Amino acid sequence: MPLLKLAVIGTGLMGRPMAENLLKAGHDVTVFNRSPENPQALAKLGAAVAATPAEAVQHADLVMTMLPNGSVVSQVLLDGVFEAAQPGTLFVDMSSIHPAIARDLAAAAQSQGRRFLDAPVSGGTGGAERGELAIMAGGPEDWIAEARPVLDVLGKVTHVGPSGSGQLAKLVNQMIVAVTIGAVAEGLTLARAGGADPARVREAILGGFAQSRILSEHGARMIERRFEPGGTMTNQIKDLDAALDVAAGLGAVMPLTARARDLFADYAAGDGGARAGDDHSALVRHIEALSGLLVEG
């Protein structure tokens, strides 16, 4: 695989381990993050640290962004970053944003002689650390083929359609994740209410039709009360809001997604909003509380 000059903008929970894997693969990586701690840690691994996003992209062959939401992605890229990159530079946004924003950014990049792919990911921080992310890519197939050697370092890439399709696929992913987290939370709560050991119930059904990564990984989090964020409540709600907005525009009715969104939002609003940063598996605490069965922790 040819080694490239890469820029990574956004080195938080997901961006940092992704940048680490790119460095381990031998790429020349320049990073920028709004808070300085993660870039400095990456500098110890060989990354160059840029003072601004525009500086980060000046000599890059490929630019990756991993930022909190669509407004931040737009603000960063449209505030001189497209212009600062060399003509023809390929931008790969791996954030989770609204498909319409992805399409607008693709058009803006094209108008300035640059190229833009939307390639959001699923797999959480664990998948990012292991290089096992599911990457859903939208845009021209030849551009995705160009980016594939880099993206292959981070996980498995699937081309799902034209610009915006990667973000649409991510919304589908988030809908399924949200509803399944709710189902696992309700199931384990019912087990506890009926006097069964939730951990043993989870173990018993792991080999059946209920088997899923949510039951395996998030179910374990629920039982062990490990709610440090891999995927936050805030991001889950953001993605469900986007999914429901897209569905409304298409005339599609998503009742399970709508109810799951409200449950996540109700939990996140608790303690004056202090719970918004919890892992989305913490929804089990809300389900337990509704039944008067809250387990502290």
C-alpha atoms as a PDB file:
ATOM      1  CA  MET A   1       0.000   0.000   0.000  1.00  0.00           C
ATOM      2  CA  PRO A   2       1.482   3.397  -0.954  1.00  0.00           C
ATOM      3  CA  LEU A   3       2.043   5.618   2.071  1.00  0.00           C
ATOM      4  CA  LEU A   4       0.257   8.959   1.926  1.00  0.00           C
ATOM      5  CA  LYS A   5       0.222  12.346   3.556  1.00  0.00           C
ATOM      6  CA  LEU A   6      -2.967  12.365   5.598  1.00  0.00           C
ATOM      7  CA  ALA A   7      -4.735  15.023   7.622  1.00  0.00           C
ATOM      8  CA  VAL A   8      -7.073  14.010  10.436  1.00  0.00           C
ATOM      9  CA  ILE A   9      -9.330  16.769  11.781  1.00  0.00           C
ATOM     10  CA  GLY A  10     -11.016  15.730  15.016  1.00  0.00           C
ATOM     11  CA  THR A  11      -9.138  13.400  17.364  1.00  0.00           C
ATOM     12  CA  GLY A  12     -11.687  12.745  20.092  1.00  0.00           C
ATOM     13  CA  LEU A  13     -13.090   9.403  21.262  1.00  0.00           C
ATOM     14  CA  MET A  14     -13.168   7.996  17.730  1.00  0.00           C
ATOM     15  CA  GLY A  15     -10.672  10.131  15.831  1.00  0.00           C
ATOM     16  CA  ARG A  16      -7.756   9.490  18.141  1.00  0.00           C
ATOM     17  CA  PRO A  17      -7.626   5.672  17.815  1.00  0.00           C
ATOM     18  CA  MET A  18      -8.250   6.003  14.087  1.00  0.00           C
ATOM     19  CA  ALA A  19      -5.271   8.343  13.777  1.00  0.00           C
ATOM     20  CA  GLU A  20      -3.179   5.950  15.870  1.00  0.00           C
ATOM     21  CA  ASN A  21      -3.915   3.097  13.454  1.00  0.00           C
ATOM     22  CA  LEU A  22      -2.997   5.253  10.465  1.00  0.00           C
ATOM     23  CA  LEU A  23       0.306   6.111  12.131  1.00  0.00           C
ATOM     24  CA  LYS A  24       0.958   2.439  12.876  1.00  0.00           C
ATOM     25  CA  ALA A  25       0.345   1.700   9.190  1.00  0.00           C
ATOM     26  CA  GLY A  26       3.189   4.070   8.340  1.00  0.00           C
ATOM     27  CA  HIS A  27       1.276   7.020   6.929  1.00  0.00           C
ATOM     28  CA  ASP A  28       2.477  10.609   7.353  1.00  0.00           C
ATOM     29  CA  VAL A  29      -0.297  12.002   9.562  1.00  0.00           C
ATOM     30  CA  THR A  30      -1.006  15.607  10.505  1.00  0.00           C
ATOM     31  CA  VAL A  31      -3.714  16.157  13.117  1.00  0.00           C
ATOM     32  CA  PHE A  32      -5.844  19.009  14.381  1.00  0.00           C
ATOM     33  CA  ASN A  33      -8.253  19.036  17.300  1.00  0.00           C
ATOM     34  CA  ARG A  34      -9.955  21.922  19.081  1.00  0.00           C
ATOM     35  CA  SER A  35      -8.686  20.701  22.468  1.00  0.00           C
ATOM     36  CA  PRO A  36      -4.921  20.118  22.598  1.00  0.00           C
ATOM     37  CA  GLU A  37      -4.595  16.972  24.730  1.00  0.00           C
ATOM     38  CA  ASN A  38      -5.190  14.294  22.102  1.00  0.00           C
ATOM     39  CA  PRO A  39      -3.017  15.895  19.401  1.00  0.00           C
ATOM     40  CA  GLN A  40      -0.112  16.077  21.823  1.00  0.00           C
ATOM     41  CA  ALA A  41      -0.535  12.400  22.687  1.00  0.00           C
ATOM     42  CA  LEU A  42      -0.567  11.590  18.970  1.00  0.00           C
ATOM     43  CA  ALA A  43       2.552  13.722  18.465  1.00  0.00           C
ATOM     44  CA  LYS A  44       4.407  11.287  20.722  1.00  0.00           C
ATOM     45  CA  LEU A  45       3.483   8.558  18.230  1.00  0.00           C
ATOM     46  CA  GLY A  46       4.847  10.548  15.297  1.00  0.00           C
ATOM     47  CA  ALA A  47       1.972  12.765  14.176  1.00  0.00           C
ATOM     48  CA  ALA A  48       2.528  16.376  13.198  1.00  0.00           C
ATOM     49  CA  VAL A  49       0.229  18.772  15.038  1.00  0.00           C
ATOM     50  CA  ALA A  50      -1.304  21.664  13.095  1.00  0.00           C
ATOM     51  CA  ALA A  51      -2.335  24.933  14.700  1.00  0.00           C
ATOM     52  CA  THR A  52      -5.432  25.277  12.494  1.00  0.00           C
ATOM     53  CA  PRO A  53      -7.537  23.000  10.275  1.00  0.00           C
ATOM     54  CA  ALA A  54      -6.386  24.936   7.202  1.00  0.00           C
ATOM     55  CA  GLU A  55      -2.761  24.314   8.115  1.00  0.00           C
ATOM     56  CA  ALA A  56      -3.452  20.603   8.594  1.00  0.00           C
ATOM     57  CA  VAL A  57      -4.742  20.101   5.033  1.00  0.00           C
ATOM     58  CA  GLN A  58      -2.255  22.190   3.031  1.00  0.00           C
ATOM     59  CA  HIS A  59      -0.090  19.291   1.865  1.00  0.00           C
ATOM     60  CA  ALA A  60      -2.439  16.364   2.411  1.00  0.00           C
ATOM     61  CA  ASP A  61      -3.229  13.747  -0.215  1.00  0.00           C
ATOM     62  CA  LEU A  62      -6.376  12.817   1.715  1.00  0.00           C
ATOM     63  CA  VAL A  63      -8.233  14.597   4.535  1.00  0.00           C
ATOM     64  CA  MET A  64     -10.344  12.781   7.117  1.00  0.00           C
ATOM     65  CA  THR A  65     -12.788  14.544   9.403  1.00  0.00           C
ATOM     66  CA  MET A  66     -14.316  13.011  12.540  1.00  0.00           C
ATOM     67  CA  LEU A  67     -16.326  15.771  14.204  1.00  0.00           C
ATOM     68  CA  PRO A  68     -19.362  15.949  16.549  1.00  0.00           C
ATOM     69  CA  ASN A  69     -22.126  16.989  14.134  1.00  0.00           C
ATOM     70  CA  GLY A  70     -23.004  18.460  10.787  1.00  0.00           C
ATOM     71  CA  SER A  71     -22.837  22.098  11.830  1.00  0.00           C
ATOM     72  CA  VAL A  72     -19.279  21.629  13.082  1.00  0.00           C
ATOM     73  CA  VAL A  73     -18.235  19.764   9.929  1.00  0.00           C
ATOM     74  CA  SER A  74     -19.707  22.512   7.756  1.00  0.00           C
ATOM     75  CA  GLN A  75     -18.162  25.279   9.835  1.00  0.00           C
ATOM     76  CA  VAL A  76     -14.714  23.720   9.653  1.00  0.00           C
ATOM     77  CA  LEU A  77     -14.666  22.784   5.980  1.00  0.00           C
ATOM     78  CA  LEU A  78     -16.380  25.881   4.619  1.00  0.00           C
ATOM     79  CA  ASP A  79     -14.248  28.278   6.676  1.00  0.00           C
ATOM     80  CA  GLY A  80     -11.292  28.188   4.299  1.00  0.00           C
ATOM     81  CA  VAL A  81     -10.334  24.517   4.674  1.00  0.00           C
ATOM     82  CA  PHE A  82     -11.492  23.426   1.215  1.00  0.00           C
ATOM     83  CA  GLU A  83      -9.611  26.418  -0.175  1.00  0.00           C
ATOM     84  CA  ALA A  84      -6.443  25.621   1.801  1.00  0.00           C
ATOM     85  CA  ALA A  85      -6.184  22.104   0.353  1.00  0.00           C
ATOM     86  CA  GLN A  86      -4.482  21.396  -2.949  1.00  0.00           C
ATOM     87  CA  PRO A  87      -6.819  21.216  -5.987  1.00  0.00           C
ATOM     88  CA  GLY A  88      -8.269  17.740  -6.339  1.00  0.00           C
ATOM     89  CA  THR A  89      -7.705  16.806  -2.689  1.00  0.00           C
ATOM     90  CA  LEU A  90     -10.023  14.049  -1.509  1.00  0.00           C
ATOM     91  CA  PHE A  91     -11.959  14.792   1.698  1.00  0.00           C
ATOM     92  CA  VAL A  92     -13.489  11.848   3.566  1.00  0.00           C
ATOM     93  CA  ASP A  93     -15.936  12.841   6.278  1.00  0.00           C
ATOM     94  CA  MET A  94     -16.365  10.026   8.793  1.00  0.00           C
ATOM     95  CA  SER A  95     -18.581  12.004  11.163  1.00  0.00           C
ATOM     96  CA  SER A  96     -22.285  11.226  11.538  1.00  0.00           C
ATOM     97  CA  ILE A  97     -24.203  14.069   9.885  1.00  0.00           C
ATOM     98  CA  HIS A  98     -27.490  14.638   8.065  1.00  0.00           C
ATOM     99  CA  PRO A  99     -27.436  13.259   4.495  1.00  0.00           C
ATOM    100  CA  ALA A 100     -28.528  16.648   3.144  1.00  0.00           C
ATOM    101  CA  ILE A 101     -25.499  18.305   4.736  1.00  0.00           C
ATOM    102  CA  ALA A 102     -23.242  15.670   3.193  1.00  0.00           C
ATOM    103  CA  ARG A 103     -24.691  16.376  -0.238  1.00  0.00           C
ATOM    104  CA  ASP A 104     -24.266  20.127   0.260  1.00  0.00           C
ATOM    105  CA  LEU A 105     -20.638  19.667   1.278  1.00  0.00           C
ATOM    106  CA  ALA A 106     -19.993  17.447  -1.742  1.00  0.00           C
ATOM    107  CA  ALA A 107     -21.359  20.197  -3.981  1.00  0.00           C
ATOM    108  CA  ALA A 108     -19.320  22.881  -2.189  1.00  0.00           C
ATOM    109  CA  ALA A 109     -16.142  20.846  -2.532  1.00  0.00           C
ATOM    110  CA  GLN A 110     -16.774  20.274  -6.236  1.00  0.00           C
ATOM    111  CA  SER A 111     -17.357  23.982  -6.809  1.00  0.00           C
ATOM    112  CA  GLN A 112     -13.886  24.640  -5.389  1.00  0.00           C
ATOM    113  CA  GLY A 113     -12.141  21.891  -7.331  1.00  0.00           C
ATOM    114  CA  ARG A 114     -11.940  19.469  -4.404  1.00  0.00           C
ATOM    115  CA  ARG A 115     -13.660  16.113  -3.806  1.00  0.00           C
ATOM    116  CA  PHE A 116     -15.809  14.931  -0.897  1.00  0.00           C
ATOM    117  CA  LEU A 117     -16.992  11.515   0.291  1.00  0.00           C
ATOM    118  CA  ASP A 118     -19.315  10.773   3.192  1.00  0.00           C
ATOM    119  CA  ALA A 119     -18.077   7.681   5.023  1.00  0.00           C
ATOM    120  CA  PRO A 120     -19.545   7.449   8.533  1.00  0.00           C
ATOM    121  CA  VAL A 121     -18.665   4.507  10.737  1.00  0.00           C
ATOM    122  CA  SER A 122     -20.149   2.077  13.216  1.00  0.00           C
ATOM    123  CA  GLY A 123     -18.345   0.011  15.810  1.00  0.00           C
ATOM    124  CA  GLY A 124     -17.705   2.450  18.638  1.00  0.00           C
ATOM    125  CA  THR A 125     -14.396   3.168  20.287  1.00  0.00           C
ATOM    126  CA  GLY A 126     -13.576  -0.536  20.509  1.00  0.00           C
ATOM    127  CA  GLY A 127     -13.965  -0.961  16.764  1.00  0.00           C
ATOM    128  CA  ALA A 128     -11.873   2.158  16.182  1.00  0.00           C
ATOM    129  CA  GLU A 129      -9.090   0.842  18.392  1.00  0.00           C
ATOM    130  CA  ARG A 130      -9.079  -2.585  16.732  1.00  0.00           C
ATOM    131  CA  GLY A 131      -9.365  -1.249  13.178  1.00  0.00           C
ATOM    132  CA  GLU A 132     -12.673  -3.086  12.795  1.00  0.00           C
ATOM    133  CA  LEU A 133     -15.093  -0.291  11.980  1.00  0.00           C
ATOM    134  CA  ALA A 134     -17.977  -0.741   9.565  1.00  0.00           C
ATOM    135  CA  ILE A 135     -17.525   2.091   7.060  1.00  0.00           C
ATOM    136  CA  MET A 136     -20.496   3.147   4.903  1.00  0.00           C
ATOM    137  CA  ALA A 137     -19.273   5.173   1.939  1.00  0.00           C
ATOM    138  CA  GLY A 138     -21.277   7.480  -0.313  1.00  0.00           C
ATOM    139  CA  GLY A 139     -19.919   9.097  -3.458  1.00  0.00           C
ATOM    140  CA  PRO A 140     -18.340   8.162  -6.807  1.00  0.00           C
ATOM    141  CA  GLU A 141     -17.041   4.602  -6.871  1.00  0.00           C
ATOM    142  CA  ASP A 142     -13.618   5.550  -8.236  1.00  0.00           C
ATOM    143  CA  TRP A 143     -13.073   8.021  -5.387  1.00  0.00           C
ATOM    144  CA  ILE A 144     -13.963   5.335  -2.867  1.00  0.00           C
ATOM    145  CA  ALA A 145     -11.510   2.988  -4.578  1.00  0.00           C
ATOM    146  CA  GLU A 146      -8.860   5.693  -4.229  1.00  0.00           C
ATOM    147  CA  ALA A 147      -9.577   6.070  -0.503  1.00  0.00           C
ATOM    148  CA  ARG A 148      -9.965   2.339   0.146  1.00  0.00           C
ATOM    149  CA  PRO A 149      -6.293   1.564   0.958  1.00  0.00           C
ATOM    150  CA  VAL A 150      -6.459   4.118   3.777  1.00  0.00           C
ATOM    151  CA  LEU A 151      -9.935   3.175   4.940  1.00  0.00           C
ATOM    152  CA  ASP A 152      -8.989  -0.514   4.966  1.00  0.00           C
ATOM    153  CA  VAL A 153      -6.649   0.306   7.853  1.00  0.00           C
ATOM    154  CA  LEU A 154      -9.681   1.420   9.851  1.00  0.00           C
ATOM    155  CA  GLY A 155     -12.186  -1.297   9.025  1.00  0.00           C
ATOM    156  CA  LYS A 156     -14.398  -2.729   6.300  1.00  0.00           C
ATOM    157  CA  VAL A 157     -15.581  -0.326   3.596  1.00  0.00           C
ATOM    158  CA  THR A 158     -18.858  -0.755   1.705  1.00  0.00           C
ATOM    159  CA  HIS A 159     -19.912   1.555  -1.127  1.00  0.00           C
ATOM    160  CA  VAL A 160     -23.631   2.125  -0.599  1.00  0.00           C
ATOM    161  CA  GLY A 161     -24.474   4.713  -3.256  1.00  0.00           C
ATOM    162  CA  PRO A 162     -24.037   8.351  -4.336  1.00  0.00           C
ATOM    163  CA  SER A 163     -23.242  11.333  -2.113  1.00  0.00           C
ATOM    164  CA  GLY A 164     -25.293  11.285   1.076  1.00  0.00           C
ATOM    165  CA  SER A 165     -25.901   7.528   0.915  1.00  0.00           C
ATOM    166  CA  GLY A 166     -23.217   6.772   3.473  1.00  0.00           C
ATOM    167  CA  GLN A 167     -24.963   9.039   5.954  1.00  0.00           C
ATOM    168  CA  LEU A 168     -28.326   7.477   5.117  1.00  0.00           C
ATOM    169  CA  ALA A 169     -26.846   4.045   5.846  1.00  0.00           C
ATOM    170  CA  LYS A 170     -25.513   5.338   9.155  1.00  0.00           C
ATOM    171  CA  LEU A 171     -28.992   6.553  10.107  1.00  0.00           C
ATOM    172  CA  VAL A 172     -30.387   3.101   9.337  1.00  0.00           C
ATOM    173  CA  ASN A 173     -27.641   1.670  11.554  1.00  0.00           C
ATOM    174  CA  GLN A 174     -28.475   4.064  14.373  1.00  0.00           C
ATOM    175  CA  MET A 175     -32.182   3.298  14.180  1.00  0.00           C
ATOM    176  CA  ILE A 176     -31.506  -0.427  14.527  1.00  0.00           C
ATOM    177  CA  VAL A 177     -28.980   0.148  17.314  1.00  0.00           C
ATOM    178  CA  ALA A 178     -31.366   2.378  19.266  1.00  0.00           C
ATOM    179  CA  VAL A 179     -34.370   0.086  19.034  1.00  0.00           C
ATOM    180  CA  THR A 180     -32.240  -2.957  19.868  1.00  0.00           C
ATOM    181  CA  ILE A 181     -30.668  -1.251  22.891  1.00  0.00           C
ATOM    182  CA  GLY A 182     -34.210  -0.537  24.075  1.00  0.00           C
ATOM    183  CA  ALA A 183     -35.253  -4.160  23.544  1.00  0.00           C
ATOM    184  CA  VAL A 184     -32.203  -5.492  25.406  1.00  0.00           C
ATOM    185  CA  ALA A 185     -32.783  -3.020  28.256  1.00  0.00           C
ATOM    186  CA  GLU A 186     -36.431  -4.081  28.551  1.00  0.00           C
ATOM    187  CA  GLY A 187     -35.596  -7.772  28.349  1.00  0.00           C
ATOM    188  CA  LEU A 188     -32.947  -7.648  31.077  1.00  0.00           C
ATOM    189  CA  THR A 189     -35.247  -5.537  33.257  1.00  0.00           C
ATOM    190  CA  LEU A 190     -38.054  -8.077  32.826  1.00  0.00           C
ATOM    191  CA  ALA A 191     -35.642 -10.857  33.802  1.00  0.00           C
ATOM    192  CA  ARG A 192     -34.770  -9.008  36.999  1.00  0.00           C
ATOM    193  CA  ALA A 193     -38.431  -8.209  37.755  1.00  0.00           C
ATOM    194  CA  GLY A 194     -39.339 -11.882  37.441  1.00  0.00           C
ATOM    195  CA  GLY A 195     -36.575 -13.045  39.756  1.00  0.00           C
ATOM    196  CA  ALA A 196     -34.153 -14.442  37.153  1.00  0.00           C
ATOM    197  CA  ASP A 197     -30.481 -13.508  37.004  1.00  0.00           C
ATOM    198  CA  PRO A 198     -30.183 -11.028  34.074  1.00  0.00           C
ATOM    199  CA  ALA A 199     -26.580 -12.062  33.441  1.00  0.00           C
ATOM    200  CA  ARG A 200     -27.592 -15.729  33.159  1.00  0.00           C
ATOM    201  CA  VAL A 201     -30.569 -14.839  30.955  1.00  0.00           C
ATOM    202  CA  ARG A 202     -28.274 -12.921  28.619  1.00  0.00           C
ATOM    203  CA  GLU A 203     -25.865 -15.862  28.553  1.00  0.00           C
ATOM    204  CA  ALA A 204     -28.701 -18.287  27.811  1.00  0.00           C
ATOM    205  CA  ILE A 205     -30.061 -16.381  24.809  1.00  0.00           C
ATOM    206  CA  LEU A 206     -26.747 -15.380  23.237  1.00  0.00           C
ATOM    207  CA  GLY A 207     -26.793 -18.457  21.013  1.00  0.00           C
ATOM    208  CA  GLY A 208     -30.389 -18.026  19.864  1.00  0.00           C
ATOM    209  CA  PHE A 209     -32.189 -15.731  17.441  1.00  0.00           C
ATOM    210  CA  ALA A 210     -31.757 -12.801  19.858  1.00  0.00           C
ATOM    211  CA  GLN A 211     -27.987 -12.949  19.361  1.00  0.00           C
ATOM    212  CA  SER A 212     -26.540  -9.568  18.362  1.00  0.00           C
ATOM    213  CA  ARG A 213     -23.564  -7.347  19.097  1.00  0.00           C
ATOM    214  CA  ILE A 214     -25.928  -5.147  21.085  1.00  0.00           C
ATOM    215  CA  LEU A 215     -26.917  -8.056  23.335  1.00  0.00           C
ATOM    216  CA  SER A 216     -23.312  -9.168  23.580  1.00  0.00           C
ATOM    217  CA  GLU A 217     -21.548  -5.847  24.164  1.00  0.00           C
ATOM    218  CA  HIS A 218     -24.194  -3.428  25.381  1.00  0.00           C
ATOM    219  CA  GLY A 219     -25.970  -6.118  27.352  1.00  0.00           C
ATOM    220  CA  ALA A 220     -22.706  -6.715  29.208  1.00  0.00           C
ATOM    221  CA  ARG A 221     -22.402  -2.984  29.867  1.00  0.00           C
ATOM    222  CA  MET A 222     -25.919  -2.936  31.321  1.00  0.00           C
ATOM    223  CA  ILE A 223     -25.237  -5.852  33.641  1.00  0.00           C
ATOM    224  CA  GLU A 224     -21.814  -4.611  34.715  1.00  0.00           C
ATOM    225  CA  ARG A 225     -23.028  -0.983  34.988  1.00  0.00           C
ATOM    226  CA  ARG A 226     -20.282   0.336  32.698  1.00  0.00           C
ATOM    227  CA  PHE A 227     -21.684   3.517  31.196  1.00  0.00           C
ATOM    228  CA  GLU A 228     -18.544   5.424  30.266  1.00  0.00           C
ATOM    229  CA  PRO A 229     -19.160   6.638  26.719  1.00  0.00           C
ATOM    230  CA  GLY A 230     -18.380   4.660  23.635  1.00  0.00           C
ATOM    231  CA  GLY A 231     -21.408   6.096  21.856  1.00  0.00           C
ATOM    232  CA  THR A 232     -23.021   8.934  23.792  1.00  0.00           C
ATOM    233  CA  MET A 233     -26.671   9.663  24.449  1.00  0.00           C
ATOM    234  CA  THR A 234     -26.199  13.033  22.745  1.00  0.00           C
ATOM    235  CA  ASN A 235     -24.961  11.488  19.523  1.00  0.00           C
ATOM    236  CA  GLN A 236     -27.639   8.789  19.568  1.00  0.00           C
ATOM    237  CA  ILE A 237     -30.396  11.397  19.875  1.00  0.00           C
ATOM    238  CA  LYS A 238     -28.807  13.564  17.157  1.00  0.00           C
ATOM    239  CA  ASP A 239     -28.789  10.646  14.738  1.00  0.00           C
ATOM    240  CA  LEU A 240     -32.338   9.590  15.576  1.00  0.00           C
ATOM    241  CA  ASP A 241     -33.529  13.156  15.024  1.00  0.00           C
ATOM    242  CA  ALA A 242     -31.853  13.130  11.617  1.00  0.00           C
ATOM    243  CA  ALA A 243     -33.362   9.736  10.782  1.00  0.00           C
ATOM    244  CA  LEU A 244     -36.852  10.910  11.685  1.00  0.00           C
ATOM    245  CA  ASP A 245     -36.372  14.107   9.677  1.00  0.00           C
ATOM    246  CA  VAL A 246     -35.337  12.127   6.588  1.00  0.00           C
ATOM    247  CA  ALA A 247     -38.237   9.705   7.111  1.00  0.00           C
ATOM    248  CA  ALA A 248     -40.727  12.558   7.407  1.00  0.00           C
ATOM    249  CA  GLY A 249     -39.468  14.041   4.152  1.00  0.00           C
ATOM    250  CA  LEU A 250     -39.998  10.701   2.434  1.00  0.00           C
ATOM    251  CA  GLY A 251     -43.403  10.051   3.995  1.00  0.00           C
ATOM    252  CA  ALA A 252     -42.075   7.005   5.875  1.00  0.00           C
ATOM    253  CA  VAL A 253     -43.502   6.292   9.341  1.00  0.00           C
ATOM    254  CA  MET A 254     -40.992   5.056  11.933  1.00  0.00           C
ATOM    255  CA  PRO A 255     -42.937   4.455  15.182  1.00  0.00           C
ATOM    256  CA  LEU A 256     -40.298   2.363  16.966  1.00  0.00           C
ATOM    257  CA  THR A 257     -37.563   4.868  16.163  1.00  0.00           C
ATOM    258  CA  ALA A 258     -39.736   7.745  17.377  1.00  0.00           C
ATOM    259  CA  ARG A 259     -40.467   6.037  20.692  1.00  0.00           C
ATOM    260  CA  ALA A 260     -36.830   5.051  21.181  1.00  0.00           C
ATOM    261  CA  ARG A 261     -35.767   8.639  20.489  1.00  0.00           C
ATOM    262  CA  ASP A 262     -38.105   9.936  23.197  1.00  0.00           C
ATOM    263  CA  LEU A 263     -36.828   7.400  25.730  1.00  0.00           C
ATOM    264  CA  PHE A 264     -33.206   8.348  25.070  1.00  0.00           C
ATOM    265  CA  ALA A 265     -34.079  12.045  25.309  1.00  0.00           C
ATOM    266  CA  ASP A 266     -35.973  11.566  28.582  1.00  0.00           C
ATOM    267  CA  TYR A 267     -32.963   9.821  30.120  1.00  0.00           C
ATOM    268  CA  ALA A 268     -30.453  12.366  28.786  1.00  0.00           C
ATOM    269  CA  ALA A 269     -32.476  15.240  30.271  1.00  0.00           C
ATOM    270  CA  GLY A 270     -32.201  13.773  33.779  1.00  0.00           C
ATOM    271  CA  ASP A 271     -30.030  15.413  36.429  1.00  0.00           C
ATOM    272  CA  GLY A 272     -30.230  18.683  34.539  1.00  0.00           C
ATOM    273  CA  GLY A 273     -28.820  17.144  31.388  1.00  0.00           C
ATOM    274  CA  ALA A 274     -25.813  15.632  33.166  1.00  0.00           C
ATOM    275  CA  ARG A 275     -26.648  12.202  31.734  1.00  0.00           C
ATOM    276  CA  ALA A 276     -26.352  13.299  28.103  1.00  0.00           C
ATOM    277  CA  GLY A 277     -22.721  12.181  27.984  1.00  0.00           C
ATOM    278  CA  ASP A 278     -23.456   8.663  29.254  1.00  0.00           C
ATOM    279  CA  ASP A 279     -23.088   5.713  26.938  1.00  0.00           C
ATOM    280  CA  HIS A 280     -26.327   4.944  25.100  1.00  0.00           C
ATOM    281  CA  SER A 281     -26.483   1.564  26.848  1.00  0.00           C
ATOM    282  CA  ALA A 282     -27.379   3.537  29.996  1.00  0.00           C
ATOM    283  CA  LEU A 283     -30.928   3.592  28.639  1.00  0.00           C
ATOM    284  CA  VAL A 284     -31.384   0.515  30.842  1.00  0.00           C
ATOM    285  CA  ARG A 285     -31.325   2.829  33.864  1.00  0.00           C
ATOM    286  CA  HIS A 286     -34.338   4.690  32.495  1.00  0.00           C
ATOM    287  CA  ILE A 287     -36.226   1.466  31.729  1.00  0.00           C
ATOM    288  CA  GLU A 288     -35.471   0.187  35.233  1.00  0.00           C
ATOM    289  CA  ALA A 289     -36.587   3.471  36.800  1.00  0.00           C
ATOM    290  CA  LEU A 290     -39.908   3.391  34.943  1.00  0.00           C
ATOM    291  CA  SER A 291     -40.566   0.012  36.609  1.00  0.00           C
ATOM    292  CA  GLY A 292     -39.251   1.010  40.047  1.00  0.00           C
ATOM    293  CA  LEU A 293     -36.341  -1.384  39.611  1.00  0.00           C
ATOM    294  CA  LEU A 294     -33.404   0.985  39.198  1.00  0.00           C
ATOM    295  CA  VAL A 295     -30.075  -0.615  40.069  1.00  0.00           C
ATOM    296  CA  GLU A 296     -27.655   2.013  41.300  1.00  0.00           C
ATOM    297  CA  GLY A 297     -24.469   2.335  39.328  1.00  0.00           C
END
